[in-house]
Amino acid sequence: MKRVSADDKAIIFQLSTRERDMLVQILQTYPVVPPAHQPLSQELRDSQVTDYQRLLEEALAEQRAANKGHLHTWLTAADRFQKSKPGLRFTLERTDSEWLLQVLNDIRVGNWLQLGSPERTGLMPPKLPPKFLPQWLAMEMSGYFQMIILEALEG
């Protein structure tokens, strides 16, 4: 995936059908980070903190549901991926860029947590059981898409 053009409203990327399929497949796994991953307090355990934690989890659940709905609408937009001679054109409105980066980050971090928060990233860890390959691939590919989008936003 590479940036083709950009203006103050959108960035247009060129990508292959395989890259599009990978992006869509990864995005459809959202959300991945467990709801209780971020406790409000690790030291305090009184009833008020418990109530606040419940409220936080409810707010996060609402936000995730809204993100998931927006993601579905966003992915199924008729002009999201347009055929072009060398592959596909992918348009990312600048107003959606931060939101998409947050969704990709949830996917990357969530899969990293499922893998046991490994120190080593990049090359597949040598002792990773094959059953964890989908999580490793989703983690790495979501990071790849984040990097490409961030570079395009900076450039």
C-alpha atoms as a PDB file:
ATOM      1  CA  MET A   1       0.000   0.000   0.000  1.00  0.00           C
ATOM      2  CA  LYS A   2       1.388   3.391  -0.905  1.00  0.00           C
ATOM      3  CA  ARG A   3       0.146   6.937  -0.946  1.00  0.00           C
ATOM      4  CA  VAL A   4      -0.803   8.175  -4.398  1.00  0.00           C
ATOM      5  CA  SER A   5      -2.095  11.638  -3.602  1.00  0.00           C
ATOM      6  CA  ALA A   6      -3.343  13.773  -0.757  1.00  0.00           C
ATOM      7  CA  ASP A   7      -5.122  17.026  -0.165  1.00  0.00           C
ATOM      8  CA  ASP A   8      -6.640  18.691   2.869  1.00  0.00           C
ATOM      9  CA  LYS A   9      -9.726  16.430   2.694  1.00  0.00           C
ATOM     10  CA  ALA A  10      -8.408  12.929   1.914  1.00  0.00           C
ATOM     11  CA  ILE A  11      -5.464  10.678   1.229  1.00  0.00           C
ATOM     12  CA  ILE A  12      -5.622   8.240  -1.658  1.00  0.00           C
ATOM     13  CA  PHE A  13      -3.657   5.011  -1.479  1.00  0.00           C
ATOM     14  CA  GLN A  14      -2.868   2.414  -4.117  1.00  0.00           C
ATOM     15  CA  LEU A  15      -3.101  -1.161  -2.896  1.00  0.00           C
ATOM     16  CA  SER A  16      -3.377  -4.662  -4.239  1.00  0.00           C
ATOM     17  CA  THR A  17      -6.466  -6.816  -3.913  1.00  0.00           C
ATOM     18  CA  ARG A  18      -4.555  -8.952  -1.403  1.00  0.00           C
ATOM     19  CA  GLU A  19      -3.736  -5.889   0.735  1.00  0.00           C
ATOM     20  CA  ARG A  20      -7.369  -4.763   0.612  1.00  0.00           C
ATOM     21  CA  ASP A  21      -8.545  -8.211   1.638  1.00  0.00           C
ATOM     22  CA  MET A  22      -6.036  -8.261   4.519  1.00  0.00           C
ATOM     23  CA  LEU A  23      -7.089  -4.791   5.694  1.00  0.00           C
ATOM     24  CA  VAL A  24     -10.792  -5.680   5.604  1.00  0.00           C
ATOM     25  CA  GLN A  25     -10.203  -9.032   7.313  1.00  0.00           C
ATOM     26  CA  ILE A  26      -8.184  -7.417  10.091  1.00  0.00           C
ATOM     27  CA  LEU A  27     -10.687  -4.585  10.606  1.00  0.00           C
ATOM     28  CA  GLN A  28     -13.548  -7.066  10.907  1.00  0.00           C
ATOM     29  CA  THR A  29     -11.920  -8.492  14.060  1.00  0.00           C
ATOM     30  CA  TYR A  30     -12.423  -5.206  15.954  1.00  0.00           C
ATOM     31  CA  PRO A  31     -12.578  -4.918  18.966  1.00  0.00           C
ATOM     32  CA  VAL A  32      -9.778  -7.126  20.240  1.00  0.00           C
ATOM     33  CA  VAL A  33      -8.527  -5.531  23.484  1.00  0.00           C
ATOM     34  CA  PRO A  34     -10.411  -7.135  26.407  1.00  0.00           C
ATOM     35  CA  PRO A  35     -12.919  -4.724  28.024  1.00  0.00           C
ATOM     36  CA  ALA A  36     -11.362  -5.025  31.494  1.00  0.00           C
ATOM     37  CA  HIS A  37      -7.791  -4.557  30.269  1.00  0.00           C
ATOM     38  CA  GLN A  38      -7.510  -1.037  31.718  1.00  0.00           C
ATOM     39  CA  PRO A  39      -8.549  -1.012  35.384  1.00  0.00           C
ATOM     40  CA  LEU A  40      -9.448   2.387  36.787  1.00  0.00           C
ATOM     41  CA  SER A  41      -7.145   1.737  39.742  1.00  0.00           C
ATOM     42  CA  GLN A  42      -4.812  -1.112  40.511  1.00  0.00           C
ATOM     43  CA  GLU A  43      -4.475  -0.220  44.197  1.00  0.00           C
ATOM     44  CA  LEU A  44      -7.930   0.933  45.289  1.00  0.00           C
ATOM     45  CA  ARG A  45     -10.668  -1.673  45.655  1.00  0.00           C
ATOM     46  CA  ASP A  46     -13.454   0.073  47.553  1.00  0.00           C
ATOM     47  CA  SER A  47     -17.051   0.053  46.346  1.00  0.00           C
ATOM     48  CA  GLN A  48     -16.836   3.528  44.819  1.00  0.00           C
ATOM     49  CA  VAL A  49     -13.921   2.481  42.603  1.00  0.00           C
ATOM     50  CA  THR A  50     -15.887  -0.634  41.633  1.00  0.00           C
ATOM     51  CA  ASP A  51     -18.834   1.544  40.611  1.00  0.00           C
ATOM     52  CA  TYR A  52     -16.554   3.845  38.618  1.00  0.00           C
ATOM     53  CA  GLN A  53     -14.928   0.846  36.940  1.00  0.00           C
ATOM     54  CA  ARG A  54     -18.350  -0.419  35.914  1.00  0.00           C
ATOM     55  CA  LEU A  55     -19.222   3.006  34.480  1.00  0.00           C
ATOM     56  CA  LEU A  56     -15.914   3.091  32.597  1.00  0.00           C
ATOM     57  CA  GLU A  57     -16.536  -0.366  31.129  1.00  0.00           C
ATOM     58  CA  GLU A  58     -20.069   0.646  30.087  1.00  0.00           C
ATOM     59  CA  ALA A  59     -18.744   3.796  28.374  1.00  0.00           C
ATOM     60  CA  LEU A  60     -16.044   1.779  26.616  1.00  0.00           C
ATOM     61  CA  ALA A  61     -18.624  -0.791  25.485  1.00  0.00           C
ATOM     62  CA  GLU A  62     -20.779   2.002  24.041  1.00  0.00           C
ATOM     63  CA  GLN A  63     -17.775   3.512  22.261  1.00  0.00           C
ATOM     64  CA  ARG A  64     -16.757   0.135  20.844  1.00  0.00           C
ATOM     65  CA  ALA A  65     -20.291  -0.530  19.606  1.00  0.00           C
ATOM     66  CA  ALA A  66     -20.348   2.890  17.926  1.00  0.00           C
ATOM     67  CA  ASN A  67     -16.907   2.234  16.398  1.00  0.00           C
ATOM     68  CA  LYS A  68     -18.016  -1.174  15.145  1.00  0.00           C
ATOM     69  CA  GLY A  69     -21.119   0.307  13.521  1.00  0.00           C
ATOM     70  CA  HIS A  70     -19.114   3.122  11.948  1.00  0.00           C
ATOM     71  CA  LEU A  71     -16.529   0.605  10.765  1.00  0.00           C
ATOM     72  CA  HIS A  72     -19.187  -1.484   9.018  1.00  0.00           C
ATOM     73  CA  THR A  73     -20.654   1.572   7.282  1.00  0.00           C
ATOM     74  CA  TRP A  74     -17.180   2.837   6.414  1.00  0.00           C
ATOM     75  CA  LEU A  75     -16.015  -0.482   4.941  1.00  0.00           C
ATOM     76  CA  THR A  76     -19.154  -0.968   2.845  1.00  0.00           C
ATOM     77  CA  ALA A  77     -19.142   2.536   1.316  1.00  0.00           C
ATOM     78  CA  ALA A  78     -19.394   2.085  -2.452  1.00  0.00           C
ATOM     79  CA  ASP A  79     -16.419   4.336  -3.178  1.00  0.00           C
ATOM     80  CA  ARG A  80     -14.108   3.046  -0.416  1.00  0.00           C
ATOM     81  CA  PHE A  81     -12.101   0.799  -2.748  1.00  0.00           C
ATOM     82  CA  GLN A  82     -12.168   1.657  -6.442  1.00  0.00           C
ATOM     83  CA  LYS A  83     -10.646  -0.431  -9.200  1.00  0.00           C
ATOM     84  CA  SER A  84      -7.680   1.092 -10.953  1.00  0.00           C
ATOM     85  CA  LYS A  85      -5.218  -0.227 -13.484  1.00  0.00           C
ATOM     86  CA  PRO A  86      -2.516  -1.519 -11.104  1.00  0.00           C
ATOM     87  CA  GLY A  87      -4.953  -2.646  -8.379  1.00  0.00           C
ATOM     88  CA  LEU A  88      -7.276  -0.627  -6.184  1.00  0.00           C
ATOM     89  CA  ARG A  89      -7.533   2.936  -4.955  1.00  0.00           C
ATOM     90  CA  PHE A  90      -8.383   3.376  -1.298  1.00  0.00           C
ATOM     91  CA  THR A  91      -9.647   6.758  -0.125  1.00  0.00           C
ATOM     92  CA  LEU A  92      -9.175   7.728   3.514  1.00  0.00           C
ATOM     93  CA  GLU A  93     -10.852  10.960   4.514  1.00  0.00           C
ATOM     94  CA  ARG A  94      -8.668  12.933   6.902  1.00  0.00           C
ATOM     95  CA  THR A  95     -11.618  13.195   9.290  1.00  0.00           C
ATOM     96  CA  ASP A  96     -11.542   9.382   9.611  1.00  0.00           C
ATOM     97  CA  SER A  97      -7.778   8.960   9.875  1.00  0.00           C
ATOM     98  CA  GLU A  98      -7.450   9.273  13.670  1.00  0.00           C
ATOM     99  CA  TRP A  99     -10.454   7.006  14.218  1.00  0.00           C
ATOM    100  CA  LEU A 100      -9.033   4.360  11.854  1.00  0.00           C
ATOM    101  CA  LEU A 101      -5.640   4.546  13.577  1.00  0.00           C
ATOM    102  CA  GLN A 102      -7.357   3.953  16.936  1.00  0.00           C
ATOM    103  CA  VAL A 103      -9.242   0.932  15.562  1.00  0.00           C
ATOM    104  CA  LEU A 104      -6.025  -0.500  14.092  1.00  0.00           C
ATOM    105  CA  ASN A 105      -4.239   0.135  17.379  1.00  0.00           C
ATOM    106  CA  ASP A 106      -6.918  -1.774  19.311  1.00  0.00           C
ATOM    107  CA  ILE A 107      -6.425  -4.690  16.933  1.00  0.00           C
ATOM    108  CA  ARG A 108      -2.629  -4.551  17.197  1.00  0.00           C
ATOM    109  CA  VAL A 109      -2.531  -4.244  20.992  1.00  0.00           C
ATOM    110  CA  GLY A 110      -5.341  -6.758  21.521  1.00  0.00           C
ATOM    111  CA  ASN A 111      -3.532  -9.409  19.506  1.00  0.00           C
ATOM    112  CA  TRP A 112      -0.262  -8.562  21.254  1.00  0.00           C
ATOM    113  CA  LEU A 113      -2.036  -9.194  24.580  1.00  0.00           C
ATOM    114  CA  GLN A 114      -3.467 -12.497  23.289  1.00  0.00           C
ATOM    115  CA  LEU A 115       0.073 -13.541  22.359  1.00  0.00           C
ATOM    116  CA  GLY A 116       1.213 -12.920  25.928  1.00  0.00           C
ATOM    117  CA  SER A 117       2.729  -9.457  25.308  1.00  0.00           C
ATOM    118  CA  PRO A 118       5.899 -10.722  23.626  1.00  0.00           C
ATOM    119  CA  GLU A 119       9.014  -8.561  23.819  1.00  0.00           C
ATOM    120  CA  ARG A 120      10.039  -9.407  20.288  1.00  0.00           C
ATOM    121  CA  THR A 121       7.999  -8.160  17.364  1.00  0.00           C
ATOM    122  CA  GLY A 122       8.741  -8.079  13.656  1.00  0.00           C
ATOM    123  CA  LEU A 123       9.952 -11.547  12.789  1.00  0.00           C
ATOM    124  CA  MET A 124       7.737 -14.302  14.093  1.00  0.00           C
ATOM    125  CA  PRO A 125       9.014 -15.563  17.436  1.00  0.00           C
ATOM    126  CA  PRO A 126      10.614 -18.985  16.939  1.00  0.00           C
ATOM    127  CA  LYS A 127       8.604 -20.671  19.712  1.00  0.00           C
ATOM    128  CA  LEU A 128       5.203 -19.377  18.625  1.00  0.00           C
ATOM    129  CA  PRO A 129       2.774 -22.314  18.241  1.00  0.00           C
ATOM    130  CA  PRO A 130       1.097 -22.386  14.808  1.00  0.00           C
ATOM    131  CA  LYS A 131      -2.342 -21.867  16.367  1.00  0.00           C
ATOM    132  CA  PHE A 132      -1.249 -18.295  17.252  1.00  0.00           C
ATOM    133  CA  LEU A 133      -0.249 -17.378  13.697  1.00  0.00           C
ATOM    134  CA  PRO A 134      -3.530 -15.478  13.023  1.00  0.00           C
ATOM    135  CA  GLN A 135      -2.976 -13.260  16.086  1.00  0.00           C
ATOM    136  CA  TRP A 136       0.655 -12.627  15.163  1.00  0.00           C
ATOM    137  CA  LEU A 137      -0.290 -11.806  11.567  1.00  0.00           C
ATOM    138  CA  ALA A 138      -3.121  -9.466  12.630  1.00  0.00           C
ATOM    139  CA  MET A 139      -0.787  -7.721  15.089  1.00  0.00           C
ATOM    140  CA  GLU A 140       1.941  -7.202  12.498  1.00  0.00           C
ATOM    141  CA  MET A 141      -0.354  -6.222   9.625  1.00  0.00           C
ATOM    142  CA  SER A 142      -2.330  -3.722  11.690  1.00  0.00           C
ATOM    143  CA  GLY A 143       0.999  -2.140  12.663  1.00  0.00           C
ATOM    144  CA  TYR A 144       1.976  -2.065   8.990  1.00  0.00           C
ATOM    145  CA  PHE A 145      -1.239  -0.271   8.011  1.00  0.00           C
ATOM    146  CA  GLN A 146      -0.818   2.169  10.907  1.00  0.00           C
ATOM    147  CA  MET A 147       2.706   2.994   9.748  1.00  0.00           C
ATOM    148  CA  ILE A 148       1.607   3.627   6.143  1.00  0.00           C
ATOM    149  CA  ILE A 149      -1.271   5.876   7.251  1.00  0.00           C
ATOM    150  CA  LEU A 150       0.924   7.819   9.696  1.00  0.00           C
ATOM    151  CA  GLU A 151       3.593   8.352   7.036  1.00  0.00           C
ATOM    152  CA  ALA A 152       0.936   9.602   4.604  1.00  0.00           C
ATOM    153  CA  LEU A 153      -0.464  11.999   7.226  1.00  0.00           C
ATOM    154  CA  GLU A 154       3.000  13.407   7.912  1.00  0.00           C
ATOM    155  CA  GLY A 155       3.978  13.645   4.235  1.00  0.00           C
END
